[in-house]
Every structure is written in C-alpha cells, then in structure tokens.
C-alpha cells in the first residue's frame, strides 16, 4: 500500500498502473488456461462449478471471456463437457442465472455450437 501512496504522492496515474497490472495478470491467466485446456483428465464441468461462490454478484468481462474460452476450447472428446456444469444446481443461483444471462446476451456466443446429447423417447 505504501508503494501506491508513493506513486500517488509523485503524481503518477494510479489508474493506469492498476490497469497495466490487471492486463498483465489477465495475459498470464490466458497463457495458463491455454496450457490447462489441453488436459484431457480435467473435469470441465467441475471447472465451471468453481465459479459458484456465495459472495459473487456481478458478472465482469474477464469472467465471461474465461467462461467462453473454457466452453469453446475443451480437449476433444472431454466427458462430461464443460457446459454440463451449468445444468447442476448451484448454491448461488442468482449468480448462475446472471452468468447464463450474460452468455446468452453476447452476439459472439451461442449455446447451439456446444456439444449436446439428444434424448429419444422409445415409446
């Protein structure tokens, strides 16, 4: 905190420093996710469920971008598919619905392009 106070006292643009730090962390996270996304042993539905935090309320751009990367780039033949993490009941139902609503409102994303199972009634 004292470092930020020194920067502020010198007249530095703290907002630009914070934005720079966040962009750097985001770039590192993207590189990490690119490597992790290739792990066929990872249960991607559990990864989606890891967003179920009781104290989360708002949906931010970075979270949506990460979810889209996970949903659109899983390893081939990964079972269960990551999207099935949304079909379970979360402890934070409002946040689950906010995430789904945010994903549905994006023009660049569509659930139709994700793998799905067709259920047939044998009657």
C-alpha atoms as a PDB file:
ATOM      1  CA  UNK A   1       0.000   0.000   0.000  1.00  0.00           C
ATOM      2  CA  UNK A   2       2.864   2.381   0.755  1.00  0.00           C
ATOM      3  CA  UNK A   3       4.155   1.908  -2.801  1.00  0.00           C
ATOM      4  CA  UNK A   4       0.803   3.074  -4.186  1.00  0.00           C
ATOM      5  CA  UNK A   5       0.894   6.037  -1.776  1.00  0.00           C
ATOM      6  CA  UNK A   6       4.359   6.987  -3.051  1.00  0.00           C
ATOM      7  CA  UNK A   7       3.155   6.805  -6.646  1.00  0.00           C
ATOM      8  CA  UNK A   8       0.156   8.966  -5.774  1.00  0.00           C
ATOM      9  CA  UNK A   9       2.364  11.494  -3.962  1.00  0.00           C
ATOM     10  CA  UNK A  10       4.592  11.737  -7.047  1.00  0.00           C
ATOM     11  CA  UNK A  11       1.554  12.473  -9.184  1.00  0.00           C
ATOM     12  CA  UNK A  12       1.624   9.159 -11.063  1.00  0.00           C
ATOM     13  CA  UNK A  13      -1.534   7.934 -12.750  1.00  0.00           C
ATOM     14  CA  UNK A  14      -2.585   5.183 -10.345  1.00  0.00           C
ATOM     15  CA  UNK A  15      -5.469   4.106 -12.598  1.00  0.00           C
ATOM     16  CA  UNK A  16      -3.084   3.407 -15.484  1.00  0.00           C
ATOM     17  CA  UNK A  17      -0.813   1.398 -13.177  1.00  0.00           C
ATOM     18  CA  UNK A  18      -3.737  -0.694 -11.935  1.00  0.00           C
ATOM     19  CA  UNK A  19      -4.993  -1.270 -15.485  1.00  0.00           C
ATOM     20  CA  UNK A  20      -1.484  -2.325 -16.522  1.00  0.00           C
ATOM     21  CA  UNK A  21      -1.243  -4.770 -13.618  1.00  0.00           C
ATOM     22  CA  UNK A  22      -4.667  -6.242 -14.364  1.00  0.00           C
ATOM     23  CA  UNK A  23      -3.832  -6.664 -18.070  1.00  0.00           C
ATOM     24  CA  UNK A  24      -0.569  -8.402 -17.207  1.00  0.00           C
ATOM     25  CA  UNK A  25      -2.295 -10.777 -14.795  1.00  0.00           C
ATOM     26  CA  UNK A  26      -5.016 -11.444 -17.373  1.00  0.00           C
ATOM     27  CA  UNK A  27      -2.411 -12.248 -20.055  1.00  0.00           C
ATOM     28  CA  UNK A  28      -0.685 -14.689 -17.676  1.00  0.00           C
ATOM     29  CA  UNK A  29      -4.016 -16.299 -16.855  1.00  0.00           C
ATOM     30  CA  UNK A  30      -4.811 -16.695 -20.563  1.00  0.00           C
ATOM     31  CA  UNK A  31      -1.465 -18.398 -21.171  1.00  0.00           C
ATOM     32  CA  UNK A  32      -2.079 -20.694 -18.211  1.00  0.00           C
ATOM     33  CA  UNK A  33      -5.592 -21.534 -19.407  1.00  0.00           C
ATOM     34  CA  UNK A  34      -4.304 -22.291 -22.890  1.00  0.00           C
ATOM     35  CA  UNK A  35      -1.944 -24.878 -21.387  1.00  0.00           C
ATOM     36  CA  UNK A  36      -4.526 -26.276 -18.958  1.00  0.00           C
ATOM     37  CA  UNK A  37      -7.258 -26.533 -21.579  1.00  0.00           C
ATOM     38  CA  UNK A  38      -5.297 -29.311 -23.236  1.00  0.00           C
ATOM     39  CA  UNK A  39      -5.508 -31.587 -20.157  1.00  0.00           C
ATOM     40  CA  UNK A  40      -7.939 -34.403 -21.072  1.00  0.00           C
ATOM     41  CA  UNK A  41      -8.124 -35.609 -17.454  1.00  0.00           C
ATOM     42  CA  UNK A  42      -9.641 -32.384 -16.138  1.00  0.00           C
ATOM     43  CA  UNK A  43     -13.352 -32.476 -15.317  1.00  0.00           C
ATOM     44  CA  UNK A  44     -14.518 -29.323 -17.093  1.00  0.00           C
ATOM     45  CA  UNK A  45     -17.983 -29.364 -15.523  1.00  0.00           C
ATOM     46  CA  UNK A  46     -16.242 -29.045 -12.142  1.00  0.00           C
ATOM     47  CA  UNK A  47     -14.223 -26.125 -13.507  1.00  0.00           C
ATOM     48  CA  UNK A  48     -17.474 -24.345 -14.414  1.00  0.00           C
ATOM     49  CA  UNK A  49     -18.848 -25.159 -10.955  1.00  0.00           C
ATOM     50  CA  UNK A  50     -15.811 -23.480  -9.397  1.00  0.00           C
ATOM     51  CA  UNK A  51     -17.413 -20.146 -10.343  1.00  0.00           C
ATOM     52  CA  UNK A  52     -20.139 -20.874  -7.772  1.00  0.00           C
ATOM     53  CA  UNK A  53     -19.063 -18.562  -4.947  1.00  0.00           C
ATOM     54  CA  UNK A  54     -21.639 -17.446  -2.392  1.00  0.00           C
ATOM     55  CA  UNK A  55     -20.397 -13.846  -2.322  1.00  0.00           C
ATOM     56  CA  UNK A  56     -20.212 -13.202  -6.080  1.00  0.00           C
ATOM     57  CA  UNK A  57     -22.826 -10.914  -7.540  1.00  0.00           C
ATOM     58  CA  UNK A  58     -21.728  -9.025 -10.655  1.00  0.00           C
ATOM     59  CA  UNK A  59     -20.502 -10.526 -13.906  1.00  0.00           C
ATOM     60  CA  UNK A  60     -17.339  -8.946 -15.288  1.00  0.00           C
ATOM     61  CA  UNK A  61     -15.848  -9.106 -18.759  1.00  0.00           C
ATOM     62  CA  UNK A  62     -12.826 -11.164 -17.713  1.00  0.00           C
ATOM     63  CA  UNK A  63     -15.072 -13.862 -16.215  1.00  0.00           C
ATOM     64  CA  UNK A  64     -17.176 -14.029 -19.376  1.00  0.00           C
ATOM     65  CA  UNK A  65     -14.087 -14.267 -21.584  1.00  0.00           C
ATOM     66  CA  UNK A  66     -12.704 -17.053 -19.409  1.00  0.00           C
ATOM     67  CA  UNK A  67     -16.001 -18.958 -19.492  1.00  0.00           C
ATOM     68  CA  UNK A  68     -16.210 -18.644 -23.263  1.00  0.00           C
ATOM     69  CA  UNK A  69     -12.632 -19.913 -23.607  1.00  0.00           C
ATOM     70  CA  UNK A  70     -13.452 -22.900 -21.408  1.00  0.00           C
ATOM     71  CA  UNK A  71     -16.743 -23.675 -23.159  1.00  0.00           C
ATOM     72  CA  UNK A  72     -15.458 -23.343 -26.722  1.00  0.00           C
ATOM     73  CA  UNK A  73     -11.993 -24.910 -26.361  1.00  0.00           C
ATOM     74  CA  UNK A  74     -12.178 -28.107 -24.298  1.00  0.00           C
ATOM     75  CA  UNK A  75      -9.985 -31.053 -25.269  1.00  0.00           C
ATOM     76  CA  UNK A  76     -11.548 -33.289 -27.874  1.00  0.00           C
ATOM     77  CA  UNK A  77     -13.927 -35.898 -26.518  1.00  0.00           C
ATOM     78  CA  UNK A  78     -13.789 -34.453 -22.993  1.00  0.00           C
ATOM     79  CA  UNK A  79     -16.553 -36.035 -20.915  1.00  0.00           C
ATOM     80  CA  UNK A  80     -18.514 -34.518 -19.370  1.00  0.00           C
ATOM     81  CA  UNK A  81     -18.455 -31.347 -21.432  1.00  0.00           C
ATOM     82  CA  UNK A  82     -17.874 -28.112 -19.519  1.00  0.00           C
ATOM     83  CA  UNK A  83     -21.376 -26.798 -20.244  1.00  0.00           C
ATOM     84  CA  UNK A  84     -22.884 -29.511 -18.026  1.00  0.00           C
ATOM     85  CA  UNK A  85     -21.508 -27.572 -15.046  1.00  0.00           C
ATOM     86  CA  UNK A  86     -24.236 -25.013 -15.666  1.00  0.00           C
ATOM     87  CA  UNK A  87     -27.002 -27.632 -15.554  1.00  0.00           C
ATOM     88  CA  UNK A  88     -26.347 -28.517 -11.917  1.00  0.00           C
ATOM     89  CA  UNK A  89     -27.921 -26.615  -9.016  1.00  0.00           C
ATOM     90  CA  UNK A  90     -25.535 -24.004  -7.649  1.00  0.00           C
ATOM     91  CA  UNK A  91     -25.512 -22.607  -4.130  1.00  0.00           C
ATOM     92  CA  UNK A  92     -25.515 -19.087  -5.623  1.00  0.00           C
ATOM     93  CA  UNK A  93     -28.464 -19.473  -8.006  1.00  0.00           C
ATOM     94  CA  UNK A  94     -28.661 -15.757  -8.779  1.00  0.00           C
ATOM     95  CA  UNK A  95     -25.045 -15.685  -9.966  1.00  0.00           C
ATOM     96  CA  UNK A  96     -25.607 -18.842 -12.032  1.00  0.00           C
ATOM     97  CA  UNK A  97     -28.548 -17.171 -13.770  1.00  0.00           C
ATOM     98  CA  UNK A  98     -26.573 -13.928 -14.224  1.00  0.00           C
ATOM     99  CA  UNK A  99     -23.744 -15.851 -15.918  1.00  0.00           C
ATOM    100  CA  UNK A 100     -26.161 -17.690 -18.203  1.00  0.00           C
ATOM    101  CA  UNK A 101     -27.999 -14.458 -18.997  1.00  0.00           C
ATOM    102  CA  UNK A 102     -24.734 -12.682 -19.778  1.00  0.00           C
ATOM    103  CA  UNK A 103     -23.561 -15.500 -22.036  1.00  0.00           C
ATOM    104  CA  UNK A 104     -26.905 -15.562 -23.853  1.00  0.00           C
ATOM    105  CA  UNK A 105     -26.786 -11.819 -24.445  1.00  0.00           C
ATOM    106  CA  UNK A 106     -23.410 -11.954 -26.216  1.00  0.00           C
ATOM    107  CA  UNK A 107     -23.715 -11.921 -30.002  1.00  0.00           C
ATOM    108  CA  UNK A 108     -20.417 -13.818 -30.381  1.00  0.00           C
ATOM    109  CA  UNK A 109     -21.514 -16.776 -28.239  1.00  0.00           C
ATOM    110  CA  UNK A 110     -24.276 -19.303 -28.745  1.00  0.00           C
ATOM    111  CA  UNK A 111     -25.051 -22.462 -26.766  1.00  0.00           C
ATOM    112  CA  UNK A 112     -26.111 -24.163 -30.018  1.00  0.00           C
ATOM    113  CA  UNK A 113     -22.460 -24.503 -31.044  1.00  0.00           C
ATOM    114  CA  UNK A 114     -21.674 -26.596 -27.942  1.00  0.00           C
ATOM    115  CA  UNK A 115     -21.905 -30.392 -27.848  1.00  0.00           C
ATOM    116  CA  UNK A 116     -25.200 -31.746 -26.592  1.00  0.00           C
ATOM    117  CA  UNK A 117     -26.888 -35.069 -26.059  1.00  0.00           C
ATOM    118  CA  UNK A 118     -30.128 -35.882 -27.755  1.00  0.00           C
ATOM    119  CA  UNK A 119     -32.615 -37.820 -25.689  1.00  0.00           C
ATOM    120  CA  UNK A 120     -35.061 -40.042 -27.531  1.00  0.00           C
ATOM    121  CA  UNK A 121     -38.220 -41.405 -26.087  1.00  0.00           C
ATOM    122  CA  UNK A 122     -38.505 -45.070 -27.054  1.00  0.00           C
ATOM    123  CA  UNK A 123     -42.292 -45.111 -26.827  1.00  0.00           C
END
